[in-house]
Amino acid sequence: MKTTRRQFLSSTATAGAAGALGGCTTTAKQEQAAMSAPPEEKPIVVAANMPTRRALGANDRIRCAFIGIGNRGGSLLDSTLTLDGVDVAAVCDIYDGAREAALAKCKKKVPDARAYVVFEELLAKEKLDAVVIATPDHLHAPAILAALECGRDVYTEKPMTLT
């Protein structure tokens, strides 16, 4: 059975993610205020600046990488490795023990999987569809922004700030 991108994302999400998203909602009044802001205050997104990506076909495999292989990252990795149609092509962690153990698990399914210490190097060298980020809280924003800038889908559970 092939795993779709939608199945991959839903299978790696937990009930805690839904609780975390509850704090991200806005009220209709807040949305209306944002929409009525003068044009010079609205962010401009230019389609030409967005990275181009190929669309996955129904029979394509999802190539992903993990940045941060601690407790939660290791648990998400174990769950992801059981999915059909999903290849973990790379892992990244500064801790040698966690990185090498994760790489050994990945190589059982993807023999050419690689390990990195610096996440920017991983993002620059690997052709990926998605990135799972499970770094310490203070590193979430830089890793997420770098992955998004490279045109990758991102999954993360922890907050991006402490306040």
N, C-alpha and C. Protein backbone atom coordinates (compact mmCIF):
# COMPACT_ATOMS: atom_id res chain seq x y z
N MET A 1 0.84 -1.18 0.00
CA MET A 1 0.00 0.00 0.00
C MET A 1 0.88 1.24 0.00
N LYS A 2 0.61 2.18 -0.85
CA LYS A 2 1.37 3.42 -0.94
C LYS A 2 0.85 4.42 0.08
N THR A 3 1.76 5.21 0.64
CA THR A 3 1.38 6.24 1.59
C THR A 3 1.36 7.58 0.88
N THR A 4 0.27 8.30 1.01
CA THR A 4 0.18 9.63 0.42
C THR A 4 0.78 10.65 1.38
N ARG A 5 1.03 11.83 0.87
CA ARG A 5 1.55 12.89 1.73
C ARG A 5 0.57 13.19 2.85
N ARG A 6 -0.70 13.17 2.53
CA ARG A 6 -1.74 13.44 3.54
C ARG A 6 -1.71 12.37 4.64
N GLN A 7 -1.59 11.10 4.25
CA GLN A 7 -1.52 10.02 5.24
C GLN A 7 -0.26 10.15 6.09
N PHE A 8 0.85 10.52 5.47
CA PHE A 8 2.10 10.70 6.20
C PHE A 8 1.96 11.76 7.28
N LEU A 9 1.43 12.91 6.90
CA LEU A 9 1.29 14.00 7.86
C LEU A 9 0.31 13.65 8.97
N SER A 10 -0.80 13.00 8.62
CA SER A 10 -1.79 12.69 9.65
C SER A 10 -1.30 11.58 10.58
N SER A 11 -0.49 10.65 10.05
CA SER A 11 -0.02 9.56 10.91
C SER A 11 1.08 10.01 11.87
N THR A 12 1.82 11.07 11.52
CA THR A 12 2.87 11.55 12.42
C THR A 12 2.37 12.61 13.40
N ALA A 13 1.18 13.12 13.15
CA ALA A 13 0.60 14.11 14.07
C ALA A 13 0.04 13.40 15.31
N THR A 14 0.03 14.09 16.41
CA THR A 14 -0.52 13.52 17.65
C THR A 14 -1.62 14.43 18.19
N ALA A 15 -2.32 13.92 19.18
CA ALA A 15 -3.39 14.71 19.78
C ALA A 15 -2.85 16.00 20.38
N GLY A 16 -1.62 16.00 20.82
CA GLY A 16 -1.00 17.21 21.39
C GLY A 16 -0.87 18.31 20.37
N ALA A 17 -0.68 17.96 19.10
CA ALA A 17 -0.57 18.97 18.06
C ALA A 17 -1.88 19.75 17.93
N ALA A 18 -2.99 19.08 18.06
CA ALA A 18 -4.28 19.76 17.98
C ALA A 18 -4.43 20.76 19.12
N GLY A 19 -3.98 20.38 20.32
CA GLY A 19 -4.04 21.29 21.45
C GLY A 19 -3.15 22.50 21.25
N ALA A 20 -1.97 22.28 20.65
CA ALA A 20 -1.05 23.39 20.39
C ALA A 20 -1.63 24.34 19.36
N LEU A 21 -2.33 23.81 18.38
CA LEU A 21 -2.91 24.65 17.35
C LEU A 21 -4.04 25.51 17.89
N GLY A 22 -4.64 25.11 18.99
CA GLY A 22 -5.73 25.89 19.58
C GLY A 22 -5.29 27.30 19.93
N GLY A 23 -4.03 27.49 20.27
CA GLY A 23 -3.52 28.82 20.60
C GLY A 23 -3.20 29.65 19.37
N CYS A 24 -3.30 29.06 18.18
CA CYS A 24 -2.96 29.77 16.95
C CYS A 24 -4.18 30.34 16.24
N THR A 25 -5.34 30.19 16.80
CA THR A 25 -6.54 30.65 16.12
C THR A 25 -6.73 32.14 16.31
N THR A 26 -7.46 32.75 15.40
CA THR A 26 -7.79 34.16 15.52
C THR A 26 -9.29 34.31 15.51
N THR A 27 -9.75 35.41 16.02
CA THR A 27 -11.18 35.66 16.01
C THR A 27 -11.57 36.32 14.69
N ALA A 28 -12.84 36.30 14.37
CA ALA A 28 -13.31 36.94 13.15
C ALA A 28 -13.00 38.43 13.17
N LYS A 29 -13.07 39.04 14.37
CA LYS A 29 -12.79 40.48 14.50
C LYS A 29 -11.32 40.76 14.15
N GLN A 30 -10.39 39.88 14.61
CA GLN A 30 -8.98 40.06 14.31
C GLN A 30 -8.72 39.91 12.81
N GLU A 31 -9.37 38.93 12.19
CA GLU A 31 -9.18 38.72 10.76
C GLU A 31 -9.73 39.90 9.97
N GLN A 32 -10.88 40.43 10.38
CA GLN A 32 -11.47 41.57 9.68
C GLN A 32 -10.56 42.79 9.80
N ALA A 33 -9.96 42.99 10.97
CA ALA A 33 -9.05 44.12 11.16
C ALA A 33 -7.82 43.98 10.26
N ALA A 34 -7.32 42.77 10.12
CA ALA A 34 -6.15 42.53 9.26
C ALA A 34 -6.49 42.78 7.80
N MET A 35 -7.68 42.38 7.40
CA MET A 35 -8.09 42.56 6.01
C MET A 35 -8.34 44.02 5.66
N SER A 36 -8.74 44.82 6.65
CA SER A 36 -9.04 46.22 6.37
C SER A 36 -7.82 47.13 6.54
N ALA A 37 -6.66 46.55 6.84
CA ALA A 37 -5.44 47.35 6.99
C ALA A 37 -5.07 47.97 5.65
N PRO A 38 -4.46 49.14 5.67
CA PRO A 38 -4.03 49.78 4.42
C PRO A 38 -3.09 48.86 3.65
N PRO A 39 -3.07 48.94 2.31
CA PRO A 39 -2.24 48.05 1.49
C PRO A 39 -0.77 48.09 1.87
N GLU A 40 -0.25 49.26 2.28
CA GLU A 40 1.17 49.34 2.61
C GLU A 40 1.52 48.55 3.87
N GLU A 41 0.54 48.18 4.68
CA GLU A 41 0.80 47.42 5.90
C GLU A 41 0.60 45.92 5.70
N LYS A 42 0.04 45.51 4.57
CA LYS A 42 -0.19 44.10 4.31
C LYS A 42 1.07 43.49 3.72
N PRO A 43 1.42 42.24 4.13
CA PRO A 43 2.59 41.59 3.54
C PRO A 43 2.30 41.24 2.08
N ILE A 44 3.32 41.40 1.25
CA ILE A 44 3.17 41.11 -0.17
C ILE A 44 3.92 39.81 -0.47
N VAL A 45 3.21 38.88 -1.08
CA VAL A 45 3.82 37.62 -1.49
C VAL A 45 3.83 37.60 -3.00
N VAL A 46 5.01 37.55 -3.56
CA VAL A 46 5.15 37.55 -5.01
C VAL A 46 5.38 36.11 -5.46
N ALA A 47 4.54 35.64 -6.37
CA ALA A 47 4.63 34.25 -6.84
C ALA A 47 6.00 33.95 -7.43
N ALA A 48 6.64 34.93 -8.06
CA ALA A 48 7.94 34.70 -8.67
C ALA A 48 9.01 34.39 -7.64
N ASN A 49 8.80 34.81 -6.39
CA ASN A 49 9.78 34.55 -5.34
C ASN A 49 9.59 33.19 -4.68
N MET A 50 8.48 32.53 -4.96
CA MET A 50 8.22 31.24 -4.36
C MET A 50 9.01 30.17 -5.10
N PRO A 51 9.61 29.21 -4.37
CA PRO A 51 10.37 28.16 -5.04
C PRO A 51 9.44 27.27 -5.86
N THR A 52 9.95 26.78 -6.97
CA THR A 52 9.16 25.87 -7.78
C THR A 52 9.40 24.44 -7.31
N ARG A 53 8.33 23.65 -7.26
CA ARG A 53 8.44 22.26 -6.83
C ARG A 53 7.60 21.42 -7.77
N ARG A 54 8.04 20.22 -7.99
CA ARG A 54 7.23 19.32 -8.80
C ARG A 54 6.12 18.75 -7.94
N ALA A 55 4.99 18.53 -8.53
CA ALA A 55 3.86 17.94 -7.82
C ALA A 55 4.07 16.43 -7.74
N LEU A 56 3.79 15.86 -6.59
CA LEU A 56 3.92 14.42 -6.44
C LEU A 56 2.76 13.73 -7.12
N GLY A 57 3.07 12.69 -7.84
CA GLY A 57 2.04 11.86 -8.43
C GLY A 57 1.56 10.85 -7.41
N ALA A 58 0.48 10.16 -7.74
CA ALA A 58 -0.11 9.20 -6.82
C ALA A 58 0.85 8.05 -6.50
N ASN A 59 1.76 7.73 -7.41
CA ASN A 59 2.66 6.59 -7.20
C ASN A 59 4.05 7.00 -6.72
N ASP A 60 4.28 8.27 -6.50
CA ASP A 60 5.59 8.73 -6.05
C ASP A 60 5.79 8.47 -4.56
N ARG A 61 7.06 8.35 -4.21
CA ARG A 61 7.43 8.19 -2.81
C ARG A 61 7.73 9.57 -2.22
N ILE A 62 7.47 9.73 -0.95
CA ILE A 62 7.76 10.98 -0.25
C ILE A 62 9.16 10.87 0.34
N ARG A 63 10.04 11.80 -0.02
CA ARG A 63 11.40 11.84 0.54
C ARG A 63 11.41 12.90 1.63
N CYS A 64 11.80 12.50 2.82
CA CYS A 64 11.84 13.46 3.92
C CYS A 64 13.14 13.34 4.68
N ALA A 65 13.37 14.32 5.54
CA ALA A 65 14.55 14.34 6.40
C ALA A 65 14.11 14.75 7.80
N PHE A 66 14.91 14.38 8.78
CA PHE A 66 14.65 14.73 10.17
C PHE A 66 15.78 15.62 10.67
N ILE A 67 15.40 16.76 11.24
CA ILE A 67 16.36 17.67 11.87
C ILE A 67 16.07 17.62 13.36
N GLY A 68 16.96 17.02 14.12
CA GLY A 68 16.77 16.82 15.56
C GLY A 68 16.25 15.41 15.82
N ILE A 69 17.10 14.59 16.43
CA ILE A 69 16.73 13.20 16.67
C ILE A 69 16.84 12.90 18.17
N GLY A 70 16.23 13.74 18.97
CA GLY A 70 16.20 13.49 20.42
C GLY A 70 15.04 12.58 20.76
N ASN A 71 14.46 12.76 21.95
CA ASN A 71 13.33 11.92 22.37
C ASN A 71 12.18 11.96 21.39
N ARG A 72 11.64 13.15 21.13
CA ARG A 72 10.47 13.26 20.25
C ARG A 72 10.84 13.00 18.80
N GLY A 73 11.96 13.53 18.36
CA GLY A 73 12.39 13.29 16.98
C GLY A 73 12.63 11.81 16.71
N GLY A 74 13.22 11.11 17.69
CA GLY A 74 13.44 9.67 17.54
C GLY A 74 12.14 8.89 17.47
N SER A 75 11.17 9.30 18.27
CA SER A 75 9.86 8.64 18.26
C SER A 75 9.15 8.87 16.92
N LEU A 76 9.20 10.11 16.42
CA LEU A 76 8.60 10.41 15.12
C LEU A 76 9.31 9.65 14.00
N LEU A 77 10.63 9.54 14.11
CA LEU A 77 11.39 8.80 13.10
C LEU A 77 10.97 7.33 13.08
N ASP A 78 10.86 6.72 14.25
CA ASP A 78 10.45 5.31 14.32
C ASP A 78 9.08 5.11 13.67
N SER A 79 8.14 6.02 13.93
CA SER A 79 6.81 5.93 13.34
C SER A 79 6.86 6.11 11.83
N THR A 80 7.67 7.04 11.38
CA THR A 80 7.76 7.34 9.95
C THR A 80 8.39 6.18 9.18
N LEU A 81 9.36 5.52 9.78
CA LEU A 81 10.04 4.42 9.09
C LEU A 81 9.12 3.23 8.83
N THR A 82 8.01 3.15 9.54
CA THR A 82 7.06 2.05 9.32
C THR A 82 6.10 2.32 8.16
N LEU A 83 6.09 3.55 7.65
CA LEU A 83 5.14 3.93 6.60
C LEU A 83 5.63 3.50 5.21
N ASP A 84 4.73 2.90 4.43
CA ASP A 84 5.04 2.59 3.04
C ASP A 84 5.00 3.88 2.25
N GLY A 85 5.86 4.00 1.26
CA GLY A 85 5.82 5.17 0.40
C GLY A 85 6.53 6.38 0.96
N VAL A 86 7.18 6.24 2.12
CA VAL A 86 7.91 7.35 2.72
C VAL A 86 9.35 6.92 2.95
N ASP A 87 10.28 7.67 2.39
CA ASP A 87 11.70 7.39 2.57
C ASP A 87 12.33 8.51 3.39
N VAL A 88 13.02 8.13 4.46
CA VAL A 88 13.78 9.10 5.25
C VAL A 88 15.18 9.12 4.64
N ALA A 89 15.45 10.14 3.85
CA ALA A 89 16.68 10.21 3.08
C ALA A 89 17.85 10.78 3.87
N ALA A 90 17.57 11.52 4.95
CA ALA A 90 18.65 12.15 5.70
C ALA A 90 18.20 12.46 7.12
N VAL A 91 19.19 12.50 8.00
CA VAL A 91 18.95 12.89 9.39
C VAL A 91 20.01 13.91 9.77
N CYS A 92 19.67 14.76 10.73
CA CYS A 92 20.60 15.80 11.16
C CYS A 92 20.49 15.96 12.67
N ASP A 93 21.62 15.91 13.35
CA ASP A 93 21.67 16.15 14.79
C ASP A 93 23.10 16.47 15.15
N ILE A 94 23.31 17.30 16.15
CA ILE A 94 24.68 17.63 16.56
C ILE A 94 25.26 16.55 17.47
N TYR A 95 24.40 15.72 18.07
CA TYR A 95 24.85 14.66 18.96
C TYR A 95 25.19 13.42 18.13
N ASP A 96 26.46 13.03 18.15
CA ASP A 96 26.94 11.91 17.32
C ASP A 96 26.17 10.62 17.57
N GLY A 97 25.91 10.30 18.83
CA GLY A 97 25.24 9.03 19.16
C GLY A 97 23.84 8.95 18.56
N ALA A 98 23.06 10.01 18.73
CA ALA A 98 21.70 10.02 18.20
C ALA A 98 21.71 10.01 16.68
N ARG A 99 22.61 10.78 16.10
CA ARG A 99 22.68 10.88 14.64
C ARG A 99 23.05 9.54 14.01
N GLU A 100 24.05 8.87 14.54
CA GLU A 100 24.49 7.59 13.97
C GLU A 100 23.45 6.48 14.19
N ALA A 101 22.79 6.48 15.34
CA ALA A 101 21.74 5.48 15.59
C ALA A 101 20.57 5.68 14.63
N ALA A 102 20.18 6.94 14.41
CA ALA A 102 19.09 7.24 13.49
C ALA A 102 19.48 6.87 12.06
N LEU A 103 20.71 7.15 11.67
CA LEU A 103 21.16 6.82 10.33
C LEU A 103 21.12 5.31 10.10
N ALA A 104 21.55 4.55 11.09
CA ALA A 104 21.52 3.09 10.96
C ALA A 104 20.09 2.58 10.74
N LYS A 105 19.12 3.17 11.44
CA LYS A 105 17.71 2.78 11.25
C LYS A 105 17.25 3.12 9.84
N CYS A 106 17.62 4.30 9.37
CA CYS A 106 17.18 4.76 8.04
C CYS A 106 17.79 3.93 6.92
N LYS A 107 19.05 3.52 7.10
CA LYS A 107 19.75 2.76 6.06
C LYS A 107 19.13 1.38 5.84
N LYS A 108 18.37 0.87 6.81
CA LYS A 108 17.68 -0.40 6.61
C LYS A 108 16.62 -0.28 5.52
N LYS A 109 16.04 0.89 5.39
CA LYS A 109 15.00 1.12 4.39
C LYS A 109 15.53 1.88 3.17
N VAL A 110 16.42 2.83 3.41
CA VAL A 110 17.01 3.65 2.33
C VAL A 110 18.53 3.54 2.46
N PRO A 111 19.14 2.61 1.70
CA PRO A 111 20.58 2.36 1.84
C PRO A 111 21.48 3.58 1.63
N ASP A 112 21.03 4.55 0.82
CA ASP A 112 21.88 5.72 0.57
C ASP A 112 21.53 6.91 1.47
N ALA A 113 20.84 6.68 2.56
CA ALA A 113 20.51 7.76 3.50
C ALA A 113 21.81 8.36 4.04
N ARG A 114 21.75 9.66 4.32
CA ARG A 114 22.96 10.34 4.80
C ARG A 114 22.68 11.09 6.09
N ALA A 115 23.76 11.38 6.82
CA ALA A 115 23.67 12.09 8.09
C ALA A 115 24.41 13.42 7.99
N TYR A 116 23.88 14.41 8.69
CA TYR A 116 24.46 15.75 8.69
C TYR A 116 24.52 16.28 10.12
N VAL A 117 25.47 17.18 10.35
CA VAL A 117 25.56 17.87 11.63
C VAL A 117 24.91 19.24 11.52
N VAL A 118 25.00 19.88 10.36
CA VAL A 118 24.49 21.23 10.13
C VAL A 118 23.25 21.14 9.23
N PHE A 119 22.11 21.64 9.72
CA PHE A 119 20.87 21.48 8.97
C PHE A 119 20.87 22.26 7.66
N GLU A 120 21.58 23.39 7.59
CA GLU A 120 21.66 24.15 6.35
C GLU A 120 22.31 23.32 5.25
N GLU A 121 23.30 22.53 5.61
CA GLU A 121 23.98 21.67 4.64
C GLU A 121 23.02 20.58 4.14
N LEU A 122 22.25 20.01 5.04
CA LEU A 122 21.24 19.01 4.66
C LEU A 122 20.27 19.60 3.66
N LEU A 123 19.72 20.78 3.96
CA LEU A 123 18.74 21.41 3.09
C LEU A 123 19.33 21.77 1.73
N ALA A 124 20.61 22.12 1.69
CA ALA A 124 21.25 22.51 0.44
C ALA A 124 21.55 21.29 -0.45
N LYS A 125 21.87 20.16 0.15
CA LYS A 125 22.34 19.01 -0.63
C LYS A 125 21.27 17.98 -0.97
N GLU A 126 20.22 17.88 -0.17
CA GLU A 126 19.23 16.81 -0.36
C GLU A 126 18.03 17.29 -1.15
N LYS A 127 17.52 16.45 -2.02
CA LYS A 127 16.27 16.71 -2.74
C LYS A 127 15.16 16.07 -1.93
N LEU A 128 14.37 16.91 -1.25
CA LEU A 128 13.37 16.44 -0.31
C LEU A 128 11.99 17.00 -0.62
N ASP A 129 10.98 16.29 -0.15
CA ASP A 129 9.61 16.79 -0.22
C ASP A 129 9.21 17.42 1.12
N ALA A 130 9.70 16.86 2.22
CA ALA A 130 9.28 17.32 3.54
C ALA A 130 10.43 17.21 4.54
N VAL A 131 10.32 18.01 5.60
CA VAL A 131 11.30 18.00 6.68
C VAL A 131 10.54 17.96 8.00
N VAL A 132 10.96 17.06 8.89
CA VAL A 132 10.41 17.00 10.24
C VAL A 132 11.43 17.67 11.15
N ILE A 133 10.99 18.68 11.91
CA ILE A 133 11.90 19.42 12.77
C ILE A 133 11.55 19.16 14.22
N ALA A 134 12.50 18.58 14.95
CA ALA A 134 12.29 18.25 16.35
C ALA A 134 13.51 18.71 17.16
N THR A 135 13.94 19.92 16.90
CA THR A 135 15.09 20.51 17.58
C THR A 135 14.65 21.11 18.91
N PRO A 136 15.59 21.56 19.74
CA PRO A 136 15.19 22.33 20.93
C PRO A 136 14.42 23.57 20.50
N ASP A 137 13.56 24.06 21.38
CA ASP A 137 12.62 25.14 21.05
C ASP A 137 13.29 26.35 20.41
N HIS A 138 14.44 26.77 20.92
CA HIS A 138 15.06 28.00 20.42
C HIS A 138 15.62 27.86 19.00
N LEU A 139 15.70 26.63 18.48
CA LEU A 139 16.20 26.42 17.12
C LEU A 139 15.08 26.15 16.11
N HIS A 140 13.84 26.12 16.57
CA HIS A 140 12.73 25.85 15.65
C HIS A 140 12.62 26.90 14.55
N ALA A 141 12.57 28.15 14.91
CA ALA A 141 12.35 29.20 13.91
C ALA A 141 13.42 29.20 12.82
N PRO A 142 14.72 29.17 13.14
CA PRO A 142 15.72 29.18 12.06
C PRO A 142 15.60 27.96 11.14
N ALA A 143 15.37 26.79 11.72
CA ALA A 143 15.27 25.57 10.91
C ALA A 143 14.02 25.59 10.05
N ILE A 144 12.89 26.01 10.62
CA ILE A 144 11.63 26.06 9.87
C ILE A 144 11.75 27.06 8.72
N LEU A 145 12.25 28.25 9.00
CA LEU A 145 12.36 29.28 7.96
C LEU A 145 13.30 28.85 6.84
N ALA A 146 14.40 28.20 7.20
CA ALA A 146 15.34 27.73 6.18
C ALA A 146 14.70 26.64 5.31
N ALA A 147 13.96 25.72 5.92
CA ALA A 147 13.30 24.65 5.17
C ALA A 147 12.22 25.22 4.25
N LEU A 148 11.44 26.17 4.77
CA LEU A 148 10.40 26.78 3.95
C LEU A 148 10.99 27.56 2.78
N GLU A 149 12.09 28.23 3.03
CA GLU A 149 12.75 29.00 1.98
C GLU A 149 13.26 28.08 0.86
N CYS A 150 13.60 26.84 1.22
CA CYS A 150 14.04 25.86 0.23
C CYS A 150 12.86 25.16 -0.44
N GLY A 151 11.64 25.52 -0.07
CA GLY A 151 10.46 24.94 -0.70
C GLY A 151 10.04 23.60 -0.15
N ARG A 152 10.44 23.28 1.07
CA ARG A 152 10.07 22.00 1.67
C ARG A 152 8.81 22.16 2.52
N ASP A 153 8.00 21.09 2.60
CA ASP A 153 6.92 21.05 3.56
C ASP A 153 7.56 20.80 4.92
N VAL A 154 6.99 21.36 5.98
CA VAL A 154 7.58 21.26 7.31
C VAL A 154 6.56 20.72 8.30
N TYR A 155 7.01 19.78 9.14
CA TYR A 155 6.20 19.31 10.26
C TYR A 155 7.00 19.54 11.52
N THR A 156 6.40 20.20 12.50
CA THR A 156 7.02 20.41 13.80
C THR A 156 5.92 20.46 14.84
N GLU A 157 6.22 20.11 16.07
CA GLU A 157 5.21 20.07 17.12
C GLU A 157 5.42 21.11 18.20
N LYS A 158 6.63 21.49 18.42
CA LYS A 158 6.94 22.35 19.55
C LYS A 158 6.72 23.82 19.21
N PRO A 159 6.69 24.67 20.22
CA PRO A 159 6.51 26.11 19.96
C PRO A 159 7.77 26.70 19.34
N MET A 160 7.57 27.82 18.67
CA MET A 160 8.71 28.53 18.09
C MET A 160 9.25 29.59 19.04
N THR A 161 8.54 29.90 20.11
CA THR A 161 9.01 30.89 21.07
C THR A 161 8.71 30.39 22.48
N LEU A 162 9.27 31.05 23.45
CA LEU A 162 9.04 30.67 24.84
C LEU A 162 8.01 31.55 25.51
N THR A 163 7.65 32.68 24.88
CA THR A 163 6.64 33.59 25.46
C THR A 163 5.55 33.86 24.43
